[in-house]
Amino acid sequence: MLGRVNHVAIAVPNLAAAVTSYRDTLGATVSAAQALPEHGVTVVFVELANTKVELLEPLGDGSPITAFLEKNPSGGMHHICYEVSDIVAARDHLVQAGARVLGTGEPKTGAHGKQVLFLHPKDFSGTLIELEQA
């Protein structure tokens, strides 16, 4: 069911500072910032040869990243995103297997304009999993 790793997401308290670190210190190519109000975050992508690193900062008071940063003030790994060929079939298989899909269970449009779902970290060794339609 799982395809390639699409990205690893890192929650950051200050997106501009994180971009400076990745771009200027590490020499990485970093995308322009993109606000995703439906997900409560602003994101950039660090482009790598084989995948991406997503840096995400809270957008608004209701952001799910705010609680994460309260527990981890310096930031840290937030989730890993895997590609799937059929997100609805993957969701149905996972639900039948007992995994919990977060939110309504219906895919939302993610940062790449593709459908995404999140899976409860307690079902996957403490790691929040994002699935993205390939």
N, C-alpha and C. Protein backbone atom coordinates (compact mmCIF):
# COMPACT_ATOMS: atom_id res chain seq x y z
N MET A 1 0.81 -1.19 0.00
CA MET A 1 0.00 0.00 0.00
C MET A 1 0.86 1.26 0.00
N LEU A 2 1.92 1.32 0.84
CA LEU A 2 2.73 2.52 0.93
C LEU A 2 3.65 2.66 -0.27
N GLY A 3 3.74 3.88 -0.76
CA GLY A 3 4.70 4.20 -1.80
C GLY A 3 5.92 4.85 -1.17
N ARG A 4 6.49 5.79 -1.89
CA ARG A 4 7.72 6.43 -1.39
C ARG A 4 7.40 7.43 -0.28
N VAL A 5 8.44 7.80 0.47
CA VAL A 5 8.31 8.86 1.45
C VAL A 5 8.21 10.17 0.67
N ASN A 6 7.12 10.89 0.87
CA ASN A 6 6.94 12.17 0.20
C ASN A 6 7.70 13.27 0.93
N HIS A 7 7.54 13.30 2.27
CA HIS A 7 8.27 14.29 3.06
C HIS A 7 8.27 13.92 4.53
N VAL A 8 9.21 14.51 5.25
CA VAL A 8 9.25 14.47 6.70
C VAL A 8 8.95 15.89 7.15
N ALA A 9 8.02 16.05 8.07
CA ALA A 9 7.60 17.38 8.51
C ALA A 9 8.19 17.72 9.86
N ILE A 10 8.70 18.94 9.96
CA ILE A 10 9.28 19.44 11.19
C ILE A 10 8.52 20.70 11.60
N ALA A 11 7.93 20.67 12.80
CA ALA A 11 7.24 21.84 13.33
C ALA A 11 8.30 22.80 13.86
N VAL A 12 8.13 24.08 13.54
CA VAL A 12 9.10 25.09 13.97
C VAL A 12 8.37 26.27 14.60
N PRO A 13 8.98 26.89 15.61
CA PRO A 13 8.34 28.05 16.23
C PRO A 13 8.48 29.32 15.40
N ASN A 14 9.48 29.36 14.51
CA ASN A 14 9.74 30.55 13.71
C ASN A 14 10.16 30.11 12.31
N LEU A 15 9.23 30.19 11.37
CA LEU A 15 9.48 29.69 10.02
C LEU A 15 10.61 30.45 9.33
N ALA A 16 10.65 31.76 9.48
CA ALA A 16 11.70 32.55 8.83
C ALA A 16 13.08 32.13 9.32
N ALA A 17 13.23 31.91 10.62
CA ALA A 17 14.52 31.48 11.17
C ALA A 17 14.89 30.09 10.67
N ALA A 18 13.90 29.20 10.58
CA ALA A 18 14.17 27.85 10.09
C ALA A 18 14.59 27.87 8.62
N VAL A 19 13.91 28.70 7.83
CA VAL A 19 14.28 28.83 6.41
C VAL A 19 15.71 29.32 6.29
N THR A 20 16.08 30.31 7.08
CA THR A 20 17.44 30.83 7.05
C THR A 20 18.45 29.73 7.36
N SER A 21 18.16 28.91 8.37
CA SER A 21 19.07 27.82 8.74
C SER A 21 19.24 26.82 7.60
N TYR A 22 18.13 26.41 7.01
CA TYR A 22 18.20 25.41 5.94
C TYR A 22 18.82 25.99 4.67
N ARG A 23 18.43 27.21 4.31
CA ARG A 23 18.90 27.82 3.06
C ARG A 23 20.35 28.31 3.19
N ASP A 24 20.62 29.10 4.22
CA ASP A 24 21.92 29.76 4.31
C ASP A 24 22.99 28.89 4.97
N THR A 25 22.62 28.13 5.98
CA THR A 25 23.60 27.30 6.67
C THR A 25 23.81 25.97 5.97
N LEU A 26 22.71 25.32 5.58
CA LEU A 26 22.82 24.00 4.94
C LEU A 26 22.89 24.08 3.42
N GLY A 27 22.62 25.24 2.84
CA GLY A 27 22.70 25.39 1.39
C GLY A 27 21.56 24.76 0.63
N ALA A 28 20.43 24.58 1.27
CA ALA A 28 19.30 23.90 0.64
C ALA A 28 18.45 24.87 -0.18
N THR A 29 17.75 24.30 -1.14
CA THR A 29 16.75 25.04 -1.89
C THR A 29 15.44 24.96 -1.11
N VAL A 30 14.85 26.11 -0.82
CA VAL A 30 13.63 26.17 -0.02
C VAL A 30 12.55 26.88 -0.82
N SER A 31 11.35 26.31 -0.83
CA SER A 31 10.23 26.90 -1.57
C SER A 31 9.73 28.16 -0.88
N ALA A 32 8.87 28.87 -1.57
CA ALA A 32 8.19 30.02 -0.97
C ALA A 32 7.21 29.50 0.09
N ALA A 33 6.91 30.34 1.06
CA ALA A 33 5.96 29.98 2.11
C ALA A 33 4.55 29.90 1.52
N GLN A 34 3.80 28.94 2.04
CA GLN A 34 2.42 28.73 1.59
C GLN A 34 1.52 28.58 2.81
N ALA A 35 0.53 29.46 2.94
CA ALA A 35 -0.43 29.37 4.04
C ALA A 35 -1.50 28.35 3.69
N LEU A 36 -1.79 27.47 4.63
CA LEU A 36 -2.82 26.43 4.47
C LEU A 36 -3.83 26.58 5.60
N PRO A 37 -4.76 27.53 5.48
CA PRO A 37 -5.71 27.79 6.57
C PRO A 37 -6.52 26.56 6.97
N GLU A 38 -6.87 25.70 6.03
CA GLU A 38 -7.67 24.51 6.34
C GLU A 38 -6.92 23.57 7.28
N HIS A 39 -5.58 23.62 7.24
CA HIS A 39 -4.76 22.77 8.09
C HIS A 39 -4.15 23.54 9.27
N GLY A 40 -4.31 24.87 9.28
CA GLY A 40 -3.82 25.68 10.38
C GLY A 40 -2.31 25.86 10.40
N VAL A 41 -1.68 25.82 9.23
CA VAL A 41 -0.22 25.94 9.17
C VAL A 41 0.22 26.79 7.98
N THR A 42 1.43 27.30 8.11
CA THR A 42 2.16 27.87 6.98
C THR A 42 3.35 26.95 6.76
N VAL A 43 3.61 26.59 5.51
CA VAL A 43 4.65 25.60 5.21
C VAL A 43 5.63 26.11 4.15
N VAL A 44 6.82 25.55 4.20
CA VAL A 44 7.79 25.63 3.11
C VAL A 44 8.32 24.22 2.92
N PHE A 45 8.86 23.97 1.75
CA PHE A 45 9.46 22.66 1.49
C PHE A 45 10.93 22.83 1.15
N VAL A 46 11.76 22.06 1.84
CA VAL A 46 13.18 21.98 1.56
C VAL A 46 13.31 20.86 0.52
N GLU A 47 13.80 21.22 -0.65
CA GLU A 47 13.89 20.26 -1.75
C GLU A 47 15.18 19.46 -1.66
N LEU A 48 15.04 18.15 -1.68
CA LEU A 48 16.19 17.24 -1.65
C LEU A 48 16.12 16.35 -2.89
N ALA A 49 17.20 15.66 -3.18
CA ALA A 49 17.25 14.82 -4.37
C ALA A 49 16.24 13.68 -4.32
N ASN A 50 15.97 13.13 -3.13
CA ASN A 50 15.13 11.94 -3.04
C ASN A 50 13.82 12.14 -2.29
N THR A 51 13.61 13.32 -1.69
CA THR A 51 12.38 13.60 -0.95
C THR A 51 12.35 15.08 -0.60
N LYS A 52 11.51 15.45 0.35
CA LYS A 52 11.42 16.83 0.81
C LYS A 52 11.35 16.84 2.34
N VAL A 53 11.73 17.96 2.92
CA VAL A 53 11.49 18.22 4.33
C VAL A 53 10.51 19.38 4.37
N GLU A 54 9.41 19.21 5.09
CA GLU A 54 8.41 20.25 5.24
C GLU A 54 8.65 20.94 6.58
N LEU A 55 8.81 22.25 6.53
CA LEU A 55 8.89 23.04 7.75
C LEU A 55 7.54 23.70 7.94
N LEU A 56 6.93 23.52 9.11
CA LEU A 56 5.60 24.07 9.32
C LEU A 56 5.52 24.86 10.60
N GLU A 57 4.79 25.97 10.50
CA GLU A 57 4.61 26.91 11.60
C GLU A 57 3.11 27.11 11.81
N PRO A 58 2.67 27.29 13.05
CA PRO A 58 1.24 27.50 13.30
C PRO A 58 0.69 28.71 12.53
N LEU A 59 -0.54 28.56 12.07
CA LEU A 59 -1.26 29.65 11.41
C LEU A 59 -2.58 29.81 12.16
N GLY A 60 -2.68 30.84 12.96
CA GLY A 60 -3.90 31.08 13.72
C GLY A 60 -3.91 30.37 15.06
N ASP A 61 -4.86 30.77 15.90
CA ASP A 61 -4.95 30.24 17.26
C ASP A 61 -5.34 28.78 17.33
N GLY A 62 -6.10 28.29 16.36
CA GLY A 62 -6.58 26.91 16.40
C GLY A 62 -5.66 25.91 15.75
N SER A 63 -4.44 26.28 15.46
CA SER A 63 -3.51 25.39 14.76
C SER A 63 -3.17 24.16 15.60
N PRO A 64 -3.19 22.97 14.99
CA PRO A 64 -2.78 21.77 15.72
C PRO A 64 -1.28 21.79 16.06
N ILE A 65 -0.53 22.63 15.40
CA ILE A 65 0.91 22.72 15.66
C ILE A 65 1.20 23.47 16.96
N THR A 66 0.29 24.33 17.37
CA THR A 66 0.49 25.11 18.59
C THR A 66 0.69 24.19 19.80
N ALA A 67 -0.18 23.20 19.96
CA ALA A 67 -0.06 22.27 21.09
C ALA A 67 1.25 21.49 21.01
N PHE A 68 1.65 21.10 19.82
CA PHE A 68 2.92 20.38 19.64
C PHE A 68 4.09 21.26 20.10
N LEU A 69 4.08 22.54 19.70
CA LEU A 69 5.17 23.44 20.07
C LEU A 69 5.14 23.80 21.55
N GLU A 70 3.98 23.76 22.19
CA GLU A 70 3.93 23.98 23.63
C GLU A 70 4.68 22.88 24.37
N LYS A 71 4.60 21.66 23.84
CA LYS A 71 5.32 20.53 24.45
C LYS A 71 6.77 20.47 23.99
N ASN A 72 7.05 21.04 22.81
CA ASN A 72 8.38 21.01 22.20
C ASN A 72 8.72 22.43 21.73
N PRO A 73 9.07 23.34 22.63
CA PRO A 73 9.22 24.74 22.27
C PRO A 73 10.26 25.02 21.19
N SER A 74 11.25 24.18 21.05
CA SER A 74 12.26 24.38 20.02
C SER A 74 11.84 23.78 18.68
N GLY A 75 10.72 23.07 18.67
CA GLY A 75 10.26 22.39 17.45
C GLY A 75 10.71 20.95 17.45
N GLY A 76 10.43 20.26 16.35
CA GLY A 76 10.84 18.87 16.23
C GLY A 76 10.03 18.16 15.16
N MET A 77 10.39 16.89 14.95
CA MET A 77 9.69 16.11 13.93
C MET A 77 8.21 15.99 14.29
N HIS A 78 7.35 16.33 13.35
CA HIS A 78 5.91 16.32 13.58
C HIS A 78 5.25 15.11 12.94
N HIS A 79 5.56 14.82 11.68
CA HIS A 79 4.97 13.66 11.01
C HIS A 79 5.80 13.23 9.82
N ILE A 80 5.47 12.06 9.31
CA ILE A 80 6.08 11.56 8.08
C ILE A 80 4.95 11.30 7.09
N CYS A 81 5.19 11.66 5.85
CA CYS A 81 4.16 11.53 4.81
C CYS A 81 4.58 10.47 3.80
N TYR A 82 3.69 9.50 3.59
CA TYR A 82 3.90 8.46 2.60
C TYR A 82 2.90 8.63 1.47
N GLU A 83 3.31 8.33 0.28
CA GLU A 83 2.41 8.36 -0.87
C GLU A 83 1.66 7.04 -0.96
N VAL A 84 0.41 7.11 -1.39
CA VAL A 84 -0.41 5.92 -1.66
C VAL A 84 -1.06 6.11 -3.03
N SER A 85 -1.29 5.01 -3.73
CA SER A 85 -1.85 5.11 -5.08
C SER A 85 -3.34 5.40 -5.07
N ASP A 86 -4.04 5.01 -4.01
CA ASP A 86 -5.49 5.24 -3.91
C ASP A 86 -5.81 5.56 -2.45
N ILE A 87 -5.96 6.83 -2.14
CA ILE A 87 -6.10 7.25 -0.75
C ILE A 87 -7.39 6.74 -0.11
N VAL A 88 -8.47 6.65 -0.88
CA VAL A 88 -9.74 6.16 -0.33
C VAL A 88 -9.63 4.67 -0.02
N ALA A 89 -9.03 3.90 -0.93
CA ALA A 89 -8.84 2.46 -0.69
C ALA A 89 -7.92 2.25 0.50
N ALA A 90 -6.86 3.07 0.60
CA ALA A 90 -5.94 2.96 1.74
C ALA A 90 -6.67 3.26 3.04
N ARG A 91 -7.48 4.32 3.05
CA ARG A 91 -8.25 4.68 4.25
C ARG A 91 -9.18 3.54 4.65
N ASP A 92 -9.92 3.00 3.69
CA ASP A 92 -10.87 1.94 3.99
C ASP A 92 -10.16 0.70 4.54
N HIS A 93 -9.02 0.36 3.98
CA HIS A 93 -8.23 -0.79 4.45
C HIS A 93 -7.75 -0.54 5.89
N LEU A 94 -7.24 0.66 6.14
CA LEU A 94 -6.72 0.98 7.46
C LEU A 94 -7.82 0.99 8.52
N VAL A 95 -8.96 1.57 8.20
CA VAL A 95 -10.08 1.59 9.14
C VAL A 95 -10.54 0.17 9.45
N GLN A 96 -10.62 -0.66 8.42
CA GLN A 96 -11.02 -2.06 8.63
C GLN A 96 -10.01 -2.79 9.50
N ALA A 97 -8.74 -2.40 9.40
CA ALA A 97 -7.69 -3.03 10.20
C ALA A 97 -7.61 -2.45 11.61
N GLY A 98 -8.42 -1.42 11.91
CA GLY A 98 -8.48 -0.87 13.26
C GLY A 98 -7.70 0.42 13.45
N ALA A 99 -7.11 0.96 12.41
CA ALA A 99 -6.39 2.23 12.53
C ALA A 99 -7.38 3.39 12.60
N ARG A 100 -6.99 4.44 13.30
CA ARG A 100 -7.84 5.62 13.43
C ARG A 100 -7.39 6.71 12.48
N VAL A 101 -8.33 7.17 11.66
CA VAL A 101 -8.09 8.31 10.77
C VAL A 101 -8.53 9.55 11.52
N LEU A 102 -7.69 10.58 11.53
CA LEU A 102 -8.01 11.81 12.25
C LEU A 102 -9.01 12.67 11.48
N GLY A 103 -9.68 13.54 12.19
CA GLY A 103 -10.67 14.43 11.57
C GLY A 103 -11.92 13.67 11.19
N THR A 104 -12.51 14.07 10.09
CA THR A 104 -13.76 13.46 9.63
C THR A 104 -13.53 12.12 8.93
N GLY A 105 -12.29 11.84 8.58
CA GLY A 105 -12.00 10.63 7.82
C GLY A 105 -12.04 10.86 6.32
N GLU A 106 -12.48 12.05 5.93
CA GLU A 106 -12.51 12.39 4.50
C GLU A 106 -11.22 13.10 4.13
N PRO A 107 -10.64 12.76 2.98
CA PRO A 107 -9.41 13.43 2.55
C PRO A 107 -9.62 14.93 2.38
N LYS A 108 -8.56 15.70 2.68
CA LYS A 108 -8.53 17.14 2.46
C LYS A 108 -7.42 17.43 1.45
N THR A 109 -7.48 18.59 0.85
CA THR A 109 -6.43 18.99 -0.07
C THR A 109 -5.23 19.48 0.72
N GLY A 110 -4.05 18.92 0.42
CA GLY A 110 -2.83 19.28 1.12
C GLY A 110 -2.01 20.32 0.37
N ALA A 111 -0.80 20.53 0.83
CA ALA A 111 0.08 21.57 0.29
C ALA A 111 0.45 21.36 -1.17
N HIS A 112 0.43 20.12 -1.63
CA HIS A 112 0.79 19.84 -3.02
C HIS A 112 -0.43 19.79 -3.94
N GLY A 113 -1.60 20.18 -3.38
CA GLY A 113 -2.82 20.15 -4.19
C GLY A 113 -3.39 18.76 -4.35
N LYS A 114 -2.89 17.81 -3.56
CA LYS A 114 -3.36 16.43 -3.61
C LYS A 114 -4.10 16.09 -2.33
N GLN A 115 -4.89 15.04 -2.37
CA GLN A 115 -5.67 14.63 -1.20
C GLN A 115 -4.78 13.99 -0.15
N VAL A 116 -5.03 14.35 1.13
CA VAL A 116 -4.25 13.83 2.25
C VAL A 116 -5.17 13.39 3.39
N LEU A 117 -4.67 12.49 4.20
CA LEU A 117 -5.31 12.02 5.44
C LEU A 117 -4.23 11.88 6.49
N PHE A 118 -4.61 12.01 7.76
CA PHE A 118 -3.67 11.78 8.85
C PHE A 118 -4.16 10.61 9.69
N LEU A 119 -3.22 9.80 10.17
CA LEU A 119 -3.51 8.62 10.98
C LEU A 119 -3.01 8.85 12.40
N HIS A 120 -3.77 8.38 13.37
CA HIS A 120 -3.47 8.61 14.78
C HIS A 120 -2.10 8.04 15.16
N PRO A 121 -1.27 8.85 15.83
CA PRO A 121 0.07 8.37 16.19
C PRO A 121 0.08 7.18 17.15
N LYS A 122 -0.96 7.05 17.96
CA LYS A 122 -0.98 5.91 18.89
C LYS A 122 -1.12 4.57 18.17
N ASP A 123 -1.55 4.60 16.92
CA ASP A 123 -1.67 3.37 16.14
C ASP A 123 -0.39 3.03 15.38
N PHE A 124 0.61 3.95 15.39
CA PHE A 124 1.82 3.76 14.60
C PHE A 124 3.07 4.15 15.38
N SER A 125 3.24 3.50 16.52
CA SER A 125 4.44 3.64 17.34
C SER A 125 4.74 5.08 17.72
N GLY A 126 3.69 5.87 17.97
CA GLY A 126 3.87 7.24 18.40
C GLY A 126 4.18 8.23 17.29
N THR A 127 4.05 7.82 16.04
CA THR A 127 4.36 8.70 14.92
C THR A 127 3.09 9.07 14.17
N LEU A 128 2.86 10.37 14.01
CA LEU A 128 1.76 10.85 13.19
C LEU A 128 2.10 10.55 11.74
N ILE A 129 1.17 9.89 11.05
CA ILE A 129 1.37 9.50 9.66
C ILE A 129 0.42 10.31 8.77
N GLU A 130 0.97 10.88 7.72
CA GLU A 130 0.17 11.53 6.69
C GLU A 130 0.23 10.65 5.45
N LEU A 131 -0.92 10.41 4.85
CA LEU A 131 -0.97 9.71 3.55
C LEU A 131 -1.33 10.74 2.51
N GLU A 132 -0.64 10.68 1.37
CA GLU A 132 -0.93 11.61 0.27
C GLU A 132 -1.17 10.82 -1.00
N GLN A 133 -2.22 11.21 -1.71
CA GLN A 133 -2.53 10.59 -2.99
C GLN A 133 -1.37 10.83 -3.94
N ALA A 134 -0.82 9.76 -4.50
CA ALA A 134 0.32 9.89 -5.44
C ALA A 134 -0.13 10.44 -6.77
